[in-house]
């Protein structure tokens, strides 16, 4: 899933045809998945009807595509290329770790990075968006191959984290749960 500034695997943006996502029931989604004319703002979620956010705004993702939409789109992509033979859990995990390394490389030698990445260029932010997307795609496909319902697993894990880290005990502290005393 390596990408460069010119597009996917060296293809220009015009070659990578835009398409619309479809929900699992087959109805079209309102989300454009590919960058049309290279002008999609992938850096900021919509905030009060505007596209640009200030560092003090609360960030939120768009509602679409859903994790299931992403799973389905990646499954179609993989099937069209007959890559399932290579996309087994171990290989997907190693590919995802490689992509995490590429994300890490973007932060290397920068010191602390402020939320919202105010000192980053649009090109750097786009590169980060591509690498984070690669990580998410591999994570979703890994969960699929392991038969893990990721949204339900997240709900369960968040509930466990609330038990392990009650706000009344851990507020403002970064200690591990095993270090807290009753």
N, C-alpha and C. Protein backbone atom coordinates (compact mmCIF):
# COMPACT_ATOMS: atom_id res chain seq x y z
N UNK A 1 0.80 -1.19 0.00
CA UNK A 1 0.00 0.00 0.00
C UNK A 1 0.84 1.25 0.00
N UNK A 2 2.05 1.12 -0.44
CA UNK A 2 2.92 2.28 -0.49
C UNK A 2 2.33 3.33 -1.41
N UNK A 3 2.39 4.54 -0.97
CA UNK A 3 1.88 5.63 -1.78
C UNK A 3 2.94 6.71 -1.84
N UNK A 4 2.93 7.47 -2.87
CA UNK A 4 3.82 8.61 -2.95
C UNK A 4 2.99 9.84 -3.24
N UNK A 5 3.63 10.99 -3.33
CA UNK A 5 2.90 12.22 -3.54
C UNK A 5 2.15 12.26 -4.86
N UNK A 6 2.48 11.39 -5.80
CA UNK A 6 1.83 11.39 -7.10
C UNK A 6 0.58 10.53 -7.14
N UNK A 7 0.33 9.74 -6.14
CA UNK A 7 -0.85 8.88 -6.14
C UNK A 7 -0.50 7.49 -5.65
N UNK A 8 -1.28 6.52 -6.08
CA UNK A 8 -1.12 5.15 -5.63
C UNK A 8 -0.10 4.45 -6.51
N UNK A 9 0.94 3.91 -5.89
CA UNK A 9 1.95 3.15 -6.63
C UNK A 9 2.41 3.86 -7.90
N UNK A 10 2.62 5.18 -7.81
CA UNK A 10 3.13 5.94 -8.94
C UNK A 10 2.10 6.39 -9.96
N UNK A 11 0.84 6.04 -9.78
CA UNK A 11 -0.19 6.48 -10.71
C UNK A 11 -0.60 7.90 -10.37
N UNK A 12 -0.91 8.71 -11.37
CA UNK A 12 -1.37 10.06 -11.07
C UNK A 12 -2.82 10.02 -10.63
N UNK A 13 -3.29 11.11 -10.06
CA UNK A 13 -4.65 11.14 -9.49
C UNK A 13 -5.72 10.91 -10.55
N UNK A 14 -5.50 11.36 -11.78
CA UNK A 14 -6.50 11.16 -12.81
C UNK A 14 -6.65 9.69 -13.17
N UNK A 15 -5.55 8.92 -13.03
CA UNK A 15 -5.59 7.50 -13.35
C UNK A 15 -6.36 6.72 -12.30
N UNK A 16 -6.31 7.19 -11.06
CA UNK A 16 -7.02 6.53 -9.96
C UNK A 16 -8.44 7.07 -9.98
N UNK A 17 -9.32 6.34 -10.61
CA UNK A 17 -10.70 6.82 -10.81
C UNK A 17 -11.44 6.95 -9.50
N UNK A 18 -12.14 8.06 -9.30
CA UNK A 18 -12.94 8.20 -8.09
C UNK A 18 -14.14 7.26 -8.14
N UNK A 19 -14.57 6.82 -6.99
CA UNK A 19 -15.75 5.98 -6.92
C UNK A 19 -16.47 6.27 -5.63
N UNK A 20 -17.73 5.90 -5.59
CA UNK A 20 -18.49 6.13 -4.38
C UNK A 20 -18.54 4.84 -3.58
N UNK A 21 -18.48 5.01 -2.26
CA UNK A 21 -18.62 3.86 -1.38
C UNK A 21 -20.06 3.40 -1.40
N UNK A 22 -20.26 2.15 -1.08
CA UNK A 22 -21.61 1.63 -0.96
C UNK A 22 -21.74 1.01 0.42
N UNK A 23 -22.91 1.20 0.99
CA UNK A 23 -23.19 0.57 2.27
C UNK A 23 -23.30 -0.93 2.05
N UNK A 24 -23.28 -1.68 3.16
CA UNK A 24 -23.33 -3.13 3.04
C UNK A 24 -24.61 -3.61 2.37
N UNK A 25 -25.66 -2.78 2.36
CA UNK A 25 -26.89 -3.18 1.68
C UNK A 25 -26.86 -2.81 0.20
N UNK A 26 -25.72 -2.25 -0.28
CA UNK A 26 -25.55 -1.94 -1.69
C UNK A 26 -25.97 -0.54 -2.09
N UNK A 27 -26.57 0.23 -1.18
CA UNK A 27 -26.98 1.59 -1.54
C UNK A 27 -25.77 2.51 -1.53
N UNK A 28 -25.74 3.49 -2.44
CA UNK A 28 -24.58 4.38 -2.50
C UNK A 28 -24.44 5.20 -1.22
N UNK A 29 -23.21 5.43 -0.84
CA UNK A 29 -22.89 6.28 0.30
C UNK A 29 -22.68 7.69 -0.23
N UNK A 30 -22.79 8.67 0.63
CA UNK A 30 -22.53 10.05 0.23
C UNK A 30 -21.04 10.37 0.27
N UNK A 31 -20.22 9.46 0.80
CA UNK A 31 -18.80 9.70 0.94
C UNK A 31 -18.05 9.39 -0.34
N UNK A 32 -17.29 10.35 -0.84
CA UNK A 32 -16.37 10.09 -1.94
C UNK A 32 -15.13 9.47 -1.31
N UNK A 33 -14.68 8.38 -1.86
CA UNK A 33 -13.54 7.68 -1.30
C UNK A 33 -12.23 8.16 -1.92
N UNK A 34 -12.19 8.30 -3.23
CA UNK A 34 -10.97 8.75 -3.89
C UNK A 34 -10.94 10.27 -3.92
N UNK A 35 -9.76 10.83 -3.98
CA UNK A 35 -9.61 12.28 -4.08
C UNK A 35 -9.93 12.69 -5.51
N UNK A 36 -10.96 13.43 -5.70
CA UNK A 36 -11.32 13.90 -7.03
C UNK A 36 -10.53 15.17 -7.32
N UNK A 37 -9.84 15.21 -8.44
CA UNK A 37 -9.04 16.36 -8.87
C UNK A 37 -8.02 16.77 -7.83
N UNK A 38 -7.70 15.87 -6.90
CA UNK A 38 -6.69 16.14 -5.90
C UNK A 38 -7.07 17.22 -4.92
N UNK A 39 -8.36 17.53 -4.75
CA UNK A 39 -8.76 18.66 -3.92
C UNK A 39 -9.52 18.26 -2.67
N UNK A 40 -9.66 16.98 -2.36
CA UNK A 40 -10.39 16.58 -1.17
C UNK A 40 -9.62 16.99 0.07
N UNK A 41 -10.30 17.56 1.05
CA UNK A 41 -9.65 17.97 2.29
C UNK A 41 -9.66 16.79 3.24
N UNK A 42 -8.56 16.06 3.28
CA UNK A 42 -8.47 14.86 4.11
C UNK A 42 -7.92 15.19 5.48
N UNK A 43 -7.62 16.45 5.73
CA UNK A 43 -6.94 16.84 6.96
C UNK A 43 -7.88 17.25 8.09
N UNK A 44 -9.10 17.59 7.77
CA UNK A 44 -9.99 18.11 8.81
C UNK A 44 -11.39 17.59 8.63
N UNK A 45 -11.99 17.15 9.72
CA UNK A 45 -13.39 16.76 9.69
C UNK A 45 -14.26 18.00 9.61
N UNK A 46 -15.51 17.83 9.26
CA UNK A 46 -16.41 18.97 9.18
C UNK A 46 -16.71 19.46 10.59
N UNK A 47 -16.70 20.74 10.76
CA UNK A 47 -16.94 21.34 12.06
C UNK A 47 -17.90 22.50 11.87
N UNK A 48 -19.11 22.40 12.35
CA UNK A 48 -20.10 23.46 12.24
C UNK A 48 -20.25 23.96 10.81
N UNK A 49 -20.27 23.04 9.85
CA UNK A 49 -20.47 23.39 8.47
C UNK A 49 -19.24 23.90 7.74
N UNK A 50 -18.12 24.05 8.44
CA UNK A 50 -16.91 24.50 7.79
C UNK A 50 -15.95 23.35 7.64
N UNK A 51 -14.95 23.50 6.76
CA UNK A 51 -13.98 22.43 6.57
C UNK A 51 -12.73 22.65 7.39
N UNK A 52 -12.26 23.86 7.54
CA UNK A 52 -11.03 24.13 8.28
C UNK A 52 -11.32 24.26 9.76
N UNK A 53 -10.43 23.72 10.56
CA UNK A 53 -10.59 23.75 12.01
C UNK A 53 -9.46 24.55 12.63
N UNK A 54 -9.72 25.09 13.77
CA UNK A 54 -8.65 25.73 14.53
C UNK A 54 -8.15 24.71 15.54
N UNK A 55 -6.93 24.91 16.09
CA UNK A 55 -6.40 23.92 17.04
C UNK A 55 -7.27 23.71 18.28
N UNK A 56 -8.13 24.67 18.61
CA UNK A 56 -8.96 24.51 19.81
C UNK A 56 -10.28 23.80 19.53
N UNK A 57 -10.62 23.59 18.25
CA UNK A 57 -11.85 22.86 17.92
C UNK A 57 -11.74 21.41 18.34
N UNK A 58 -12.87 20.80 18.63
CA UNK A 58 -12.91 19.37 18.91
C UNK A 58 -12.99 18.65 17.57
N UNK A 59 -12.09 17.70 17.37
CA UNK A 59 -12.05 16.96 16.12
C UNK A 59 -13.11 15.87 16.12
N UNK A 60 -13.68 15.62 14.97
CA UNK A 60 -14.58 14.47 14.81
C UNK A 60 -14.41 13.92 13.41
N UNK A 61 -14.57 12.61 13.28
CA UNK A 61 -14.51 11.95 11.98
C UNK A 61 -15.84 12.13 11.26
N UNK A 62 -15.81 11.95 9.96
CA UNK A 62 -17.06 11.91 9.21
C UNK A 62 -17.74 10.58 9.52
N UNK A 63 -19.03 10.51 9.30
CA UNK A 63 -19.79 9.29 9.62
C UNK A 63 -19.52 8.16 8.62
N UNK A 64 -19.09 8.51 7.43
CA UNK A 64 -18.88 7.50 6.41
C UNK A 64 -17.51 7.69 5.79
N UNK A 65 -16.86 6.66 5.36
CA UNK A 65 -17.34 5.29 5.35
C UNK A 65 -17.23 4.67 6.75
N UNK A 66 -18.07 3.69 7.01
CA UNK A 66 -18.01 2.96 8.27
C UNK A 66 -16.87 1.94 8.21
N UNK A 67 -16.56 1.34 9.33
CA UNK A 67 -15.55 0.28 9.34
C UNK A 67 -15.98 -0.87 8.44
N UNK A 68 -17.27 -1.17 8.45
CA UNK A 68 -17.77 -2.23 7.56
C UNK A 68 -17.62 -1.83 6.10
N UNK A 69 -17.86 -0.57 5.77
CA UNK A 69 -17.64 -0.10 4.40
C UNK A 69 -16.18 -0.29 4.00
N UNK A 70 -15.27 0.07 4.89
CA UNK A 70 -13.83 -0.07 4.62
C UNK A 70 -13.48 -1.55 4.45
N UNK A 71 -14.02 -2.40 5.30
CA UNK A 71 -13.76 -3.85 5.19
C UNK A 71 -14.22 -4.37 3.83
N UNK A 72 -15.42 -3.97 3.44
CA UNK A 72 -15.98 -4.43 2.17
C UNK A 72 -15.17 -3.90 0.99
N UNK A 73 -14.80 -2.62 1.01
CA UNK A 73 -14.02 -2.06 -0.09
C UNK A 73 -12.66 -2.74 -0.22
N UNK A 74 -12.02 -3.02 0.91
CA UNK A 74 -10.72 -3.70 0.87
C UNK A 74 -10.88 -5.14 0.40
N UNK A 75 -11.96 -5.81 0.83
CA UNK A 75 -12.21 -7.19 0.38
C UNK A 75 -12.40 -7.22 -1.14
N UNK A 76 -13.14 -6.25 -1.68
CA UNK A 76 -13.32 -6.18 -3.13
C UNK A 76 -11.99 -5.92 -3.83
N UNK A 77 -11.20 -5.00 -3.30
CA UNK A 77 -9.89 -4.66 -3.86
C UNK A 77 -8.99 -5.89 -3.89
N UNK A 78 -8.96 -6.62 -2.78
CA UNK A 78 -8.13 -7.82 -2.67
C UNK A 78 -8.63 -8.92 -3.61
N UNK A 79 -9.94 -9.14 -3.65
CA UNK A 79 -10.52 -10.17 -4.52
C UNK A 79 -10.23 -9.89 -5.99
N UNK A 80 -10.36 -8.63 -6.39
CA UNK A 80 -10.13 -8.26 -7.80
C UNK A 80 -8.70 -8.57 -8.25
N UNK A 81 -7.78 -8.62 -7.30
CA UNK A 81 -6.37 -8.84 -7.62
C UNK A 81 -5.89 -10.25 -7.26
N UNK A 82 -6.80 -11.08 -6.75
CA UNK A 82 -6.47 -12.43 -6.31
C UNK A 82 -5.33 -12.41 -5.28
N UNK A 83 -5.45 -11.50 -4.31
CA UNK A 83 -4.42 -11.36 -3.29
C UNK A 83 -4.76 -12.06 -1.98
N UNK A 84 -5.94 -12.68 -1.88
CA UNK A 84 -6.29 -13.36 -0.64
C UNK A 84 -5.28 -14.44 -0.28
N UNK A 85 -4.67 -15.03 -1.28
CA UNK A 85 -3.65 -16.05 -1.02
C UNK A 85 -2.48 -15.49 -0.23
N UNK A 86 -2.25 -14.20 -0.30
CA UNK A 86 -1.15 -13.57 0.43
C UNK A 86 -1.63 -12.88 1.71
N UNK A 87 -2.91 -12.59 1.79
CA UNK A 87 -3.44 -11.80 2.90
C UNK A 87 -3.92 -12.70 4.05
N UNK A 88 -2.99 -13.39 4.62
CA UNK A 88 -3.27 -14.21 5.80
C UNK A 88 -2.87 -13.40 7.04
N UNK A 89 -3.39 -13.76 8.23
CA UNK A 89 -3.16 -12.93 9.42
C UNK A 89 -1.70 -12.52 9.66
N UNK A 90 -0.77 -13.46 9.60
CA UNK A 90 0.63 -13.12 9.87
C UNK A 90 1.14 -12.08 8.88
N UNK A 91 0.87 -12.28 7.59
CA UNK A 91 1.33 -11.34 6.57
C UNK A 91 0.70 -9.96 6.75
N UNK A 92 -0.59 -9.94 7.08
CA UNK A 92 -1.27 -8.65 7.29
C UNK A 92 -0.70 -7.93 8.50
N UNK A 93 -0.41 -8.69 9.56
CA UNK A 93 0.18 -8.08 10.75
C UNK A 93 1.54 -7.46 10.41
N UNK A 94 2.39 -8.21 9.73
CA UNK A 94 3.71 -7.69 9.38
C UNK A 94 3.61 -6.48 8.45
N UNK A 95 2.68 -6.51 7.52
CA UNK A 95 2.48 -5.36 6.64
C UNK A 95 2.02 -4.14 7.45
N UNK A 96 1.11 -4.36 8.41
CA UNK A 96 0.62 -3.27 9.23
C UNK A 96 1.75 -2.68 10.07
N UNK A 97 2.60 -3.53 10.64
CA UNK A 97 3.74 -3.05 11.43
C UNK A 97 4.66 -2.21 10.55
N UNK A 98 4.87 -2.64 9.31
CA UNK A 98 5.66 -1.85 8.38
C UNK A 98 5.07 -0.48 8.14
N UNK A 99 3.75 -0.44 8.00
CA UNK A 99 3.07 0.85 7.79
C UNK A 99 3.15 1.72 9.04
N UNK A 100 3.06 1.12 10.23
CA UNK A 100 3.23 1.89 11.47
C UNK A 100 4.64 2.48 11.50
N UNK A 101 5.62 1.72 11.01
CA UNK A 101 6.98 2.25 10.91
C UNK A 101 7.04 3.46 10.00
N UNK A 102 6.28 3.43 8.91
CA UNK A 102 6.25 4.58 7.99
C UNK A 102 5.60 5.79 8.66
N UNK A 103 4.58 5.56 9.49
CA UNK A 103 3.98 6.67 10.25
C UNK A 103 5.03 7.22 11.23
N UNK A 104 5.71 6.32 11.92
CA UNK A 104 6.74 6.73 12.89
C UNK A 104 7.82 7.57 12.23
N UNK A 105 8.20 7.18 11.04
CA UNK A 105 9.24 7.91 10.31
C UNK A 105 8.85 9.37 10.07
N UNK A 106 7.56 9.62 9.86
CA UNK A 106 7.09 10.99 9.63
C UNK A 106 7.23 11.86 10.89
N UNK A 107 7.22 11.23 12.06
CA UNK A 107 7.34 11.97 13.32
C UNK A 107 8.78 12.01 13.85
N UNK A 108 9.63 11.18 13.27
CA UNK A 108 11.01 11.06 13.75
C UNK A 108 11.73 12.40 13.66
N UNK A 109 12.45 12.74 14.71
CA UNK A 109 13.30 13.92 14.82
C UNK A 109 12.52 15.23 14.89
N UNK A 110 11.25 15.17 15.16
CA UNK A 110 10.45 16.39 15.24
C UNK A 110 10.25 16.87 16.68
N UNK A 111 10.68 16.08 17.66
CA UNK A 111 10.38 16.44 19.04
C UNK A 111 8.89 16.27 19.29
N UNK A 112 8.38 16.98 20.28
CA UNK A 112 6.94 16.90 20.55
C UNK A 112 6.17 17.56 19.41
N UNK A 113 5.10 16.93 19.01
CA UNK A 113 4.27 17.44 17.92
C UNK A 113 2.93 17.86 18.53
N UNK A 114 2.56 19.09 18.30
CA UNK A 114 1.33 19.64 18.87
C UNK A 114 0.11 19.10 18.13
N UNK A 115 -0.97 18.91 18.87
CA UNK A 115 -2.22 18.44 18.28
C UNK A 115 -2.64 19.35 17.13
N UNK A 116 -3.09 18.74 16.05
CA UNK A 116 -3.50 19.49 14.88
C UNK A 116 -2.36 19.72 13.89
N UNK A 117 -1.13 19.38 14.29
CA UNK A 117 0.05 19.48 13.42
C UNK A 117 0.21 20.87 12.80
N UNK A 118 0.20 21.93 13.62
CA UNK A 118 0.23 23.29 13.06
C UNK A 118 1.48 23.61 12.24
N UNK A 119 2.61 22.98 12.50
CA UNK A 119 3.83 23.28 11.74
C UNK A 119 4.04 22.42 10.51
N UNK A 120 3.08 21.57 10.18
CA UNK A 120 3.23 20.65 9.06
C UNK A 120 2.69 21.28 7.78
N UNK A 121 3.34 20.96 6.68
CA UNK A 121 2.85 21.42 5.37
C UNK A 121 1.67 20.56 4.94
N UNK A 122 0.93 21.03 3.96
CA UNK A 122 -0.17 20.23 3.42
C UNK A 122 0.34 18.92 2.86
N UNK A 123 1.50 18.95 2.22
CA UNK A 123 2.09 17.73 1.66
C UNK A 123 2.44 16.74 2.76
N UNK A 124 3.00 17.21 3.87
CA UNK A 124 3.33 16.32 4.99
C UNK A 124 2.07 15.74 5.61
N UNK A 125 1.04 16.56 5.74
CA UNK A 125 -0.23 16.09 6.32
C UNK A 125 -0.88 15.05 5.40
N UNK A 126 -0.81 15.27 4.09
CA UNK A 126 -1.37 14.31 3.14
C UNK A 126 -0.61 12.98 3.22
N UNK A 127 0.72 13.06 3.32
CA UNK A 127 1.53 11.84 3.44
C UNK A 127 1.13 11.08 4.70
N UNK A 128 0.96 11.80 5.82
CA UNK A 128 0.53 11.16 7.07
C UNK A 128 -0.85 10.52 6.89
N UNK A 129 -1.76 11.22 6.24
CA UNK A 129 -3.11 10.66 6.02
C UNK A 129 -3.04 9.37 5.23
N UNK A 130 -2.17 9.32 4.22
CA UNK A 130 -2.02 8.10 3.43
C UNK A 130 -1.49 6.95 4.28
N UNK A 131 -0.47 7.23 5.07
CA UNK A 131 0.14 6.16 5.89
C UNK A 131 -0.81 5.69 6.98
N UNK A 132 -1.53 6.62 7.62
CA UNK A 132 -2.52 6.21 8.63
C UNK A 132 -3.63 5.39 7.99
N UNK A 133 -4.01 5.74 6.77
CA UNK A 133 -5.02 4.97 6.05
C UNK A 133 -4.53 3.56 5.80
N UNK A 134 -3.27 3.42 5.41
CA UNK A 134 -2.70 2.08 5.20
C UNK A 134 -2.78 1.26 6.48
N UNK A 135 -2.45 1.88 7.62
CA UNK A 135 -2.51 1.17 8.91
C UNK A 135 -3.94 0.72 9.18
N UNK A 136 -4.90 1.62 9.00
CA UNK A 136 -6.30 1.28 9.27
C UNK A 136 -6.79 0.17 8.34
N UNK A 137 -6.46 0.26 7.07
CA UNK A 137 -6.90 -0.76 6.11
C UNK A 137 -6.36 -2.13 6.51
N UNK A 138 -5.07 -2.19 6.85
CA UNK A 138 -4.50 -3.48 7.27
C UNK A 138 -5.12 -3.95 8.58
N UNK A 139 -5.38 -3.04 9.52
CA UNK A 139 -6.00 -3.42 10.79
C UNK A 139 -7.38 -4.01 10.56
N UNK A 140 -8.17 -3.37 9.74
CA UNK A 140 -9.52 -3.86 9.45
C UNK A 140 -9.47 -5.21 8.75
N UNK A 141 -8.55 -5.36 7.80
CA UNK A 141 -8.45 -6.64 7.10
C UNK A 141 -7.94 -7.74 8.04
N UNK A 142 -7.00 -7.41 8.92
CA UNK A 142 -6.52 -8.38 9.91
C UNK A 142 -7.66 -8.83 10.82
N UNK A 143 -8.46 -7.88 11.29
CA UNK A 143 -9.61 -8.23 12.13
C UNK A 143 -10.57 -9.13 11.38
N UNK A 144 -10.80 -8.83 10.10
CA UNK A 144 -11.68 -9.67 9.28
C UNK A 144 -11.14 -11.10 9.19
N UNK A 145 -9.86 -11.23 8.88
CA UNK A 145 -9.26 -12.57 8.71
C UNK A 145 -9.24 -13.34 10.03
N UNK A 146 -9.19 -12.64 11.15
CA UNK A 146 -9.20 -13.29 12.47
C UNK A 146 -10.63 -13.45 13.01
N UNK A 147 -11.63 -13.01 12.23
CA UNK A 147 -13.04 -13.07 12.63
C UNK A 147 -13.29 -12.31 13.93
N UNK A 148 -12.70 -11.13 14.03
CA UNK A 148 -12.92 -10.25 15.17
C UNK A 148 -13.83 -9.11 14.72
N UNK A 149 -14.97 -8.97 15.37
CA UNK A 149 -15.88 -7.87 15.07
C UNK A 149 -15.30 -6.64 15.75
N UNK A 150 -14.51 -5.87 15.03
CA UNK A 150 -13.74 -4.78 15.59
C UNK A 150 -14.59 -3.74 16.33
N UNK A 151 -15.70 -3.26 15.78
CA UNK A 151 -16.49 -2.29 16.54
C UNK A 151 -16.98 -2.85 17.89
N UNK A 152 -17.40 -4.12 17.91
CA UNK A 152 -17.84 -4.71 19.17
C UNK A 152 -16.66 -4.92 20.12
N UNK A 153 -15.51 -5.30 19.58
CA UNK A 153 -14.31 -5.48 20.40
C UNK A 153 -13.90 -4.15 21.04
N UNK A 154 -14.04 -3.05 20.28
CA UNK A 154 -13.71 -1.73 20.82
C UNK A 154 -14.65 -1.38 21.98
N UNK A 155 -15.94 -1.65 21.81
CA UNK A 155 -16.89 -1.37 22.90
C UNK A 155 -16.52 -2.15 24.16
N UNK A 156 -16.19 -3.42 23.98
CA UNK A 156 -15.81 -4.27 25.11
C UNK A 156 -14.53 -3.74 25.76
N UNK A 157 -13.54 -3.41 24.95
CA UNK A 157 -12.26 -2.93 25.48
C UNK A 157 -12.43 -1.60 26.20
N UNK A 158 -13.26 -0.71 25.69
CA UNK A 158 -13.51 0.56 26.37
C UNK A 158 -14.17 0.34 27.73
N UNK A 159 -15.08 -0.62 27.80
CA UNK A 159 -15.72 -0.94 29.07
C UNK A 159 -14.68 -1.49 30.06
N UNK A 160 -13.80 -2.37 29.59
CA UNK A 160 -12.74 -2.90 30.45
C UNK A 160 -11.81 -1.79 30.92
N UNK A 161 -11.46 -0.87 30.01
CA UNK A 161 -10.58 0.24 30.38
C UNK A 161 -11.22 1.13 31.44
N UNK A 162 -12.53 1.33 31.36
CA UNK A 162 -13.22 2.13 32.39
C UNK A 162 -13.12 1.47 33.76
N UNK A 163 -13.17 0.13 33.77
CA UNK A 163 -13.02 -0.59 35.04
C UNK A 163 -11.58 -0.52 35.56
N UNK A 164 -10.62 -0.68 34.66
CA UNK A 164 -9.21 -0.67 35.05
C UNK A 164 -8.73 0.73 35.44
N UNK A 165 -9.29 1.74 34.81
CA UNK A 165 -8.86 3.12 35.02
C UNK A 165 -10.03 4.01 35.41
N UNK A 166 -10.58 3.83 36.62
CA UNK A 166 -11.70 4.69 37.01
C UNK A 166 -11.23 6.15 37.10
N UNK A 167 -12.01 7.04 36.53
CA UNK A 167 -11.63 8.46 36.49
C UNK A 167 -11.32 9.01 37.88
N UNK A 168 -12.04 8.54 38.89
CA UNK A 168 -11.81 9.04 40.25
C UNK A 168 -10.42 8.70 40.79
N UNK A 169 -9.81 7.65 40.27
CA UNK A 169 -8.48 7.23 40.74
C UNK A 169 -7.35 7.73 39.84
N UNK A 170 -7.60 7.85 38.56
CA UNK A 170 -6.50 8.08 37.63
C UNK A 170 -6.46 9.48 37.03
N UNK A 171 -7.40 10.31 37.37
CA UNK A 171 -7.50 11.63 36.75
C UNK A 171 -6.16 12.37 36.80
N UNK A 172 -5.65 12.71 35.63
CA UNK A 172 -4.41 13.49 35.54
C UNK A 172 -3.13 12.68 35.73
N UNK A 173 -3.21 11.37 35.81
CA UNK A 173 -2.03 10.53 36.04
C UNK A 173 -1.84 9.57 34.87
N UNK A 174 -0.60 9.25 34.55
CA UNK A 174 -0.33 8.31 33.46
C UNK A 174 0.16 6.95 33.97
N UNK A 175 -0.02 6.69 35.27
CA UNK A 175 0.42 5.41 35.82
C UNK A 175 -0.39 4.26 35.23
N UNK A 176 0.23 3.08 35.19
CA UNK A 176 -0.46 1.88 34.75
C UNK A 176 -1.43 1.44 35.84
N UNK A 177 -2.49 0.75 35.45
CA UNK A 177 -3.52 0.35 36.42
C UNK A 177 -2.97 -0.49 37.57
N UNK A 178 -1.89 -1.24 37.34
CA UNK A 178 -1.31 -2.07 38.40
C UNK A 178 -0.61 -1.24 39.47
N UNK A 179 -0.36 0.03 39.19
CA UNK A 179 0.33 0.90 40.15
C UNK A 179 -0.63 1.64 41.08
N UNK A 180 -1.93 1.53 40.84
CA UNK A 180 -2.88 2.25 41.68
C UNK A 180 -3.24 1.45 42.90
N UNK A 181 -3.40 2.14 44.01
CA UNK A 181 -3.80 1.50 45.26
C UNK A 181 -5.17 2.00 45.66
N UNK A 182 -5.95 1.09 46.26
CA UNK A 182 -7.30 1.47 46.70
C UNK A 182 -7.26 2.32 47.94
